Structure formats: structure tokens, C-alpha cells
Protein backbone atom coordinates (compact mmCIF):
# COMPACT_ATOMS: atom_id res chain seq x y z
CA GLU A 1 0.00 0.00 0.00
CA ALA A 2 2.81 2.41 0.87
CA LEU A 3 4.60 1.70 -2.41
CA ASP A 4 1.38 1.93 -4.44
CA SER A 5 0.70 5.36 -2.97
CA MET A 6 3.98 6.76 -4.29
CA VAL A 7 2.50 8.12 -7.52
CA LYS A 8 2.22 11.73 -8.68
CA THR A 9 4.65 12.75 -5.97
CA GLU A 10 6.36 16.10 -5.58
CA PHE A 11 9.77 14.45 -5.21
CA TRP A 12 11.77 12.53 -7.79
CA TYR A 13 15.13 10.81 -8.11
CA GLY A 14 18.20 11.83 -10.06
CA GLU A 15 21.55 10.20 -10.74
CA GLY A 16 23.57 13.37 -10.23
CA GLY A 17 23.03 13.83 -6.51
CA SER A 18 20.57 15.98 -4.65
CA ARG A 19 20.23 19.71 -5.12
CA THR A 20 21.49 20.29 -1.59
CA GLU A 21 24.74 18.37 -1.93
CA GLY A 22 26.68 21.40 -3.06
CA ARG A 23 25.72 23.29 0.08
CA HIS A 24 25.58 20.45 2.57
CA THR A 25 28.12 17.65 2.70
CA SER A 26 25.93 14.66 3.35
CA VAL A 27 27.37 11.43 4.71
CA ARG A 28 24.25 9.53 3.78
CA HIS A 29 24.88 10.06 0.07
CA SER A 30 28.42 8.73 0.27
CA LYS A 31 27.17 5.69 2.18
CA LYS A 32 24.43 5.06 -0.37
CA TRP A 33 26.36 5.95 -3.52
CA TRP A 34 24.66 3.16 -5.47
CA LEU A 35 21.20 4.66 -4.93
CA PRO A 36 19.74 7.57 -6.93
CA SER A 37 19.49 10.72 -4.83
CA PRO A 38 16.13 12.24 -3.90
CA GLN A 39 15.19 15.57 -5.47
CA VAL A 40 12.60 18.00 -4.15
CA PRO A 41 11.42 21.41 -5.45
CA LYS A 42 13.57 24.42 -4.54
CA THR A 43 10.83 25.64 -2.25
CA GLY A 44 10.54 22.25 -0.57
CA LEU A 45 7.57 19.91 -0.30
CA SER A 46 4.05 21.17 0.21
CA ASP A 47 2.43 20.67 3.61
CA THR A 48 0.10 18.07 2.13
CA GLU A 49 2.92 16.04 0.61
CA ARG A 50 5.00 16.28 3.75
CA LYS A 51 2.14 15.12 5.99
CA ARG A 52 1.45 12.24 3.60
CA LEU A 53 5.06 11.06 3.79
CA VAL A 54 5.11 11.32 7.58
CA HIS A 55 1.87 9.31 7.77
CA GLN A 56 3.28 6.63 5.47
CA GLY A 57 6.41 6.55 7.60
CA ARG A 58 4.36 5.87 10.72
CA VAL A 59 2.45 3.06 9.03
CA VAL A 60 5.57 1.41 7.60
CA ARG A 61 7.32 1.78 10.94
CA GLN A 62 4.62 -0.33 12.59
CA VAL A 63 4.98 -2.97 9.87
CA PHE A 64 8.74 -3.02 10.41
CA LYS A 65 8.41 -3.40 14.18
CA ALA A 66 5.84 -6.19 13.83
CA ALA A 67 7.88 -8.10 11.24
CA LYS A 68 11.05 -7.72 13.29
CA SER A 69 9.32 -8.93 16.45
CA ILE A 70 7.88 -11.98 14.66
CA ASN A 71 11.27 -12.81 13.16
CA GLU A 72 13.05 -12.54 16.51
CA ASN A 73 10.46 -14.74 18.24
CA VAL A 74 10.66 -17.40 15.53
CA LEU A 75 14.45 -17.47 15.72
CA LEU A 76 14.26 -17.87 19.50
CA GLU A 77 12.08 -20.95 19.00
CA MET A 78 14.48 -22.48 16.46
CA PRO A 79 17.11 -24.73 18.08
CA VAL A 80 20.84 -24.13 17.82
CA PRO A 81 22.39 -26.92 15.70
CA GLU A 82 24.23 -29.50 17.80
CA VAL A 83 27.50 -29.01 15.94
CA ILE A 84 27.40 -25.27 16.70
CA LYS A 85 26.20 -25.83 20.27
CA ASP A 86 29.12 -28.11 21.12
CA ALA A 87 31.71 -25.75 19.65
CA LEU A 88 30.36 -22.70 21.49
CA ALA A 89 29.99 -24.48 24.82
CA LYS A 90 33.64 -25.56 24.75
CA SER A 91 35.10 -22.21 23.71
CA GLY A 92 33.96 -20.29 26.81
CA LYS A 93 35.28 -16.77 27.23
CA ALA A 94 37.45 -17.15 24.12
CA ASN A 95 34.27 -16.23 22.22
CA LEU A 96 34.61 -12.65 23.45
CA GLY A 97 38.12 -11.78 22.45
CA GLN A 98 40.51 -9.78 24.61
CA GLU A 99 39.16 -6.27 23.96
CA LEU A 100 35.48 -7.09 24.47
CA HIS A 101 36.29 -9.18 27.54
CA LYS A 102 38.18 -6.24 29.01
CA VAL A 103 35.36 -3.71 28.61
CA LEU A 104 32.71 -6.13 29.88
CA THR A 105 34.65 -6.87 33.04
CA ALA A 106 35.63 -3.27 33.80
CA GLU A 107 34.39 -2.08 37.19
CA SER A 108 31.31 0.17 37.37
CA SER A 109 30.67 0.17 33.63
CA SER A 110 27.10 0.68 32.44
CA GLY A 111 25.86 -0.66 29.12
CA GLU A 112 26.08 2.78 27.53
CA ASP A 113 29.64 3.25 28.81
CA ILE A 114 30.67 -0.10 27.38
CA LEU A 115 29.05 0.75 24.05
CA LYS A 116 30.94 4.04 23.85
CA SER A 117 34.25 2.45 24.76
CA LEU A 118 33.93 -0.06 21.91
CA ASN A 119 34.17 2.78 19.37
CA LEU A 120 32.35 0.88 16.63
CA LYS A 121 33.00 2.66 13.35
CA SER A 122 30.89 0.56 11.00
CA GLU A 123 27.94 -1.81 10.89
CA HIS A 124 30.37 -4.62 10.08
CA MET A 125 32.16 -4.03 13.39
CA ALA A 126 28.80 -3.95 15.17
CA LEU A 127 27.76 -7.28 13.63
CA GLU A 128 31.09 -8.82 14.58
CA THR A 129 30.61 -7.68 18.18
CA ILE A 130 27.04 -9.01 18.26
CA ASN A 131 28.26 -12.39 16.99
CA LYS A 132 30.79 -12.56 19.82
CA LEU A 133 28.21 -11.54 22.41
CA GLU A 134 25.63 -14.08 21.25
CA ALA A 135 28.27 -16.80 21.32
CA VAL A 136 29.41 -16.06 24.87
CA ILE A 137 25.81 -15.58 26.10
CA PHE A 138 24.89 -19.00 24.76
CA SER A 139 28.02 -20.52 26.29
CA LEU A 140 27.37 -18.90 29.68
CA LYS A 141 23.75 -20.04 29.74
CA GLU A 142 24.80 -23.59 28.96
CA ARG A 143 27.38 -23.46 31.75
CA THR A 144 24.83 -22.02 34.18
CA ILE A 145 22.30 -24.75 33.39
CA GLU A 146 24.94 -27.42 33.88
CA GLN A 147 26.04 -26.03 37.24
CA VAL A 148 22.48 -25.59 38.53
CA SER A 149 21.61 -29.15 37.52
CA GLY A 150 24.85 -30.45 39.04
CA LYS A 151 26.12 -31.88 35.76
CA SER A 152 29.23 -29.73 35.82
CA PRO A 153 31.52 -28.91 38.76
CA VAL A 154 32.25 -25.30 39.62
CA ARG A 155 35.34 -24.26 37.70
CA THR A 156 37.84 -21.53 38.48
CA THR A 157 38.95 -20.78 34.92
CA TRP A 158 36.14 -18.34 34.18
CA SER A 159 37.78 -15.35 35.88
CA PHE A 160 35.49 -12.74 34.35
CA VAL A 161 35.11 -10.39 37.28
CA LYS A 162 37.73 -9.49 39.82
CA GLY A 163 36.91 -9.69 43.48
CA PRO A 164 35.59 -12.14 46.10
CA MET A 165 32.73 -13.57 44.01
CA SER A 166 31.77 -17.18 43.47
CA GLU A 167 32.20 -18.72 40.03
CA PHE A 168 28.45 -18.76 39.53
CA ASP A 169 28.12 -15.09 40.49
CA LYS A 170 30.88 -14.17 38.05
CA MET A 171 29.08 -15.90 35.23
CA GLU A 172 25.80 -14.25 36.17
CA SER A 173 27.46 -10.83 36.22
CA LEU A 174 29.08 -11.27 32.82
CA LEU A 175 25.90 -12.72 31.36
CA ASP A 176 23.88 -9.72 32.54
CA ARG A 177 26.35 -7.23 31.06
CA ALA A 178 26.65 -9.13 27.79
CA GLU A 179 22.86 -9.29 27.36
CA THR A 180 22.51 -5.58 28.16
CA LEU A 181 25.16 -4.64 25.61
CA LEU A 182 23.61 -6.95 23.03
CA GLN A 183 20.22 -5.25 23.37
CA LEU A 184 21.79 -1.79 23.09
CA LEU A 185 23.61 -2.80 19.92
CA LYS A 186 20.45 -4.21 18.35
CA ILE A 187 18.62 -0.97 19.12
CA ARG A 188 21.47 1.12 17.71
CA TYR A 189 21.75 -1.05 14.58
CA PRO A 190 18.19 -2.29 13.90
CA ASN A 191 18.66 -3.79 10.44
CA LEU A 192 21.97 -5.64 10.43
CA PRO A 193 22.41 -8.88 8.46
CA GLN A 194 21.65 -12.11 10.29
CA THR A 195 24.05 -13.08 13.03
CA PHE A 196 26.09 -16.27 12.86
CA LEU A 197 23.81 -18.08 15.30
CA ASP A 198 20.62 -17.03 13.52
CA ALA A 199 22.02 -17.97 10.11
CA ALA A 200 23.03 -21.38 11.47
CA LYS A 201 19.52 -21.92 12.86
CA VAL A 202 18.01 -21.13 9.47
CA GLN A 203 20.52 -23.26 7.57
CA TYR A 204 20.07 -26.35 9.72
CA GLY A 205 16.40 -25.81 10.59
CA LYS A 206 14.13 -28.78 9.97
CA ASP A 207 10.77 -27.24 10.89
CA ILE A 208 9.12 -26.08 7.64
CA GLY A 209 6.69 -23.79 9.45
CA HIS A 210 9.48 -22.00 11.27
CA SER A 211 11.49 -21.67 8.06
CA ILE A 212 8.62 -20.13 6.09
CA LEU A 213 7.62 -17.69 8.83
CA GLU A 214 11.24 -16.67 9.46
CA ALA A 215 11.93 -16.02 5.78
CA TYR A 216 8.69 -14.10 5.19
CA SER A 217 9.07 -11.88 8.26
CA ARG A 218 12.74 -11.19 7.43
CA VAL A 219 11.98 -10.14 3.84
CA LEU A 220 9.01 -8.02 4.92
CA GLY A 221 11.08 -6.34 7.64
CA ASN A 222 13.93 -5.55 5.24
CA LEU A 223 11.49 -4.07 2.72
CA ALA A 224 9.83 -1.92 5.38
CA PHE A 225 13.21 -0.69 6.60
CA SER A 226 14.24 0.24 3.05
CA ILE A 227 11.04 2.25 2.58
CA LEU A 228 11.64 4.03 5.89
CA SER A 229 15.16 4.88 4.76
CA ARG A 230 13.91 6.38 1.49
CA ILE A 231 11.20 8.39 3.27
CA GLY A 232 13.79 9.66 5.72
CA ASP A 233 16.12 10.71 2.89
CA ILE A 234 13.32 12.64 1.19
CA LEU A 235 12.29 14.46 4.37
CA LEU A 236 15.89 15.34 5.15
CA ASP A 237 16.45 16.63 1.62
CA ASP A 238 13.29 18.71 1.95
CA CYS A 239 14.65 20.24 5.15
CA LEU A 240 18.02 21.02 3.55
CA SER A 241 16.41 22.49 0.43
CA ASN A 242 14.26 24.91 2.37
CA SER A 243 15.58 26.19 5.68
CA ASN A 244 12.10 27.51 6.52
CA SER A 245 10.51 24.12 6.03
CA PRO A 246 8.66 22.98 9.17
CA GLY A 247 8.45 19.45 7.86
CA ILE A 248 11.28 17.70 9.61
CA ASN A 249 11.07 17.39 13.34
CA LEU A 250 14.01 15.32 14.49
CA SER A 251 12.03 13.96 17.40
CA GLU A 252 9.24 12.60 15.23
CA THR A 253 10.66 11.75 11.82
CA TRP A 254 11.97 8.45 10.47
CA VAL A 255 15.43 9.21 9.17
CA VAL A 256 17.78 6.25 9.28
CA ASP A 257 20.99 8.29 9.42
CA SER A 258 22.98 7.39 12.53
CA HIS A 259 22.84 11.02 13.71
CA ILE A 260 19.04 11.05 13.97
CA ARG A 261 18.31 7.34 14.01
CA GLN A 262 17.03 7.31 17.59
CA SER A 263 13.56 8.50 16.58
CA LEU A 264 13.07 5.66 14.11
CA LEU A 265 12.53 2.69 16.40
């Protein structure tokens, strides 16, 4: 419906860059060099067109959130393949790497502080960090279950947190921090490619129902996110074209640029 409504619009696309590029150096264009740039009239969009785009953005945003939620829930229900499970359970804290292990075990570090200290400069680095976190979270949960059930003796090799804490408490502390950081990263980067664990679940999944629902929700979510990105680019270009334009309110719009991403999700 959102795509079908994009007819007789006041904006268009051009290969030569947007009209505002000469006056405003835009990072988003360099990051999306393969996409045609949005063009709007010199005077900006009309109030009617602007309100229509904002309304479509709100609708598509709800579709994106629903599809993403469905996809996450389906993936949670899909089992981790045994071959992956065994490898992760044995690797322990080696899953984290030295740098990530250091920031997670630093004293009095909140999730936001840890996120800032990682200094992630690209989505690729964010995905790599998420892969490490998911691996160690899975490993820690397996270890916790084993210790609670008495299948595994308390070990002293998991020295995650300094101080007079029991082995179980140390694992619980690291698990809590790792899960907090993981959620912050997923909020900051809402449309990353599938993680290693999720891709493995899909690849080795044997439940046809799960596979169909996972694939459909993933494709729908990616499409919705792409539409939100395009709407955000148009609204931002409208704002840059006309400094008097009231159309872009950074607290309510759906621009996917990292600088104003927080209002999207």
C-alpha cells in the first residue's frame, strides 16, 4: 500500500546527486552511492505532501516493528544446531576476544559506557561484536544450566570479574552485562544482516513452518526498513532544500541516518 501510494509525488530521483549536496556535505549520500538521490522542489515539499510522507512513515514503521518482532520470536524458538552448540559451549570466554572481555569486566561500567568504549566505526564491526556476544551468552547459559543441575563442577577458569565472588556469580554478572550490551547494539543497529547463530539456525532448521515464517518476516522487515530509509532521505532533503521548512522534526521523523536514528525505532 505504501509503495502503491507513491504516484504523482512532488519528489523525484536523479543520478547526479541531490540539489542540496553542493551546500551540505551529506554522509548519507556517500554511504548510499549506489542509490539515486532524492530531489525536491527548490521551495521544498508542500504541507500536504509532507504530511502524507510522515503518515506513510508511521504506518511502515509499525509494519517493520511487527515483522522484526515476529522474526526474533521465531528465531528464538528455532534450536541451535548440535555441531554449533558443542563448539560454542567448549570455547567459553574465548568467544569474546581480549578487547570485548576487558570492557565487559571493567568495574562500574554501564551498558552505555561499554558501548561508547567499543568505538564501533561501521555496521560490520557492530555485527562482529554481536556475533561474539551471542556466542558467549549461549556458552554462559549452557554453563549455568549445567552447574544448577549439578552436571558440571564449579570451575575456576572463568575469571570474568575481579573480586571475592563465586564462580556462579561471576558468570551471572558477565551474562547480565553481555545481554545488556547486546540489546543496546540491536537498538542502535536495527537492520543488520543475520548473526552467525541465527544464520546457522536457518541453515540447519528442519521445521518447515518455522522456516517459512522466518523467511517471510525477514523479507518483509527488510522491505519496510528500506522504505523508511527512502522516506527519511526525502524528508531530510526537503529540510536542507528549504531552511524555513517545518516538515522535519528530528524527534518525530523516520530518518535512518545514525545522527538522527534514535527516533526511528
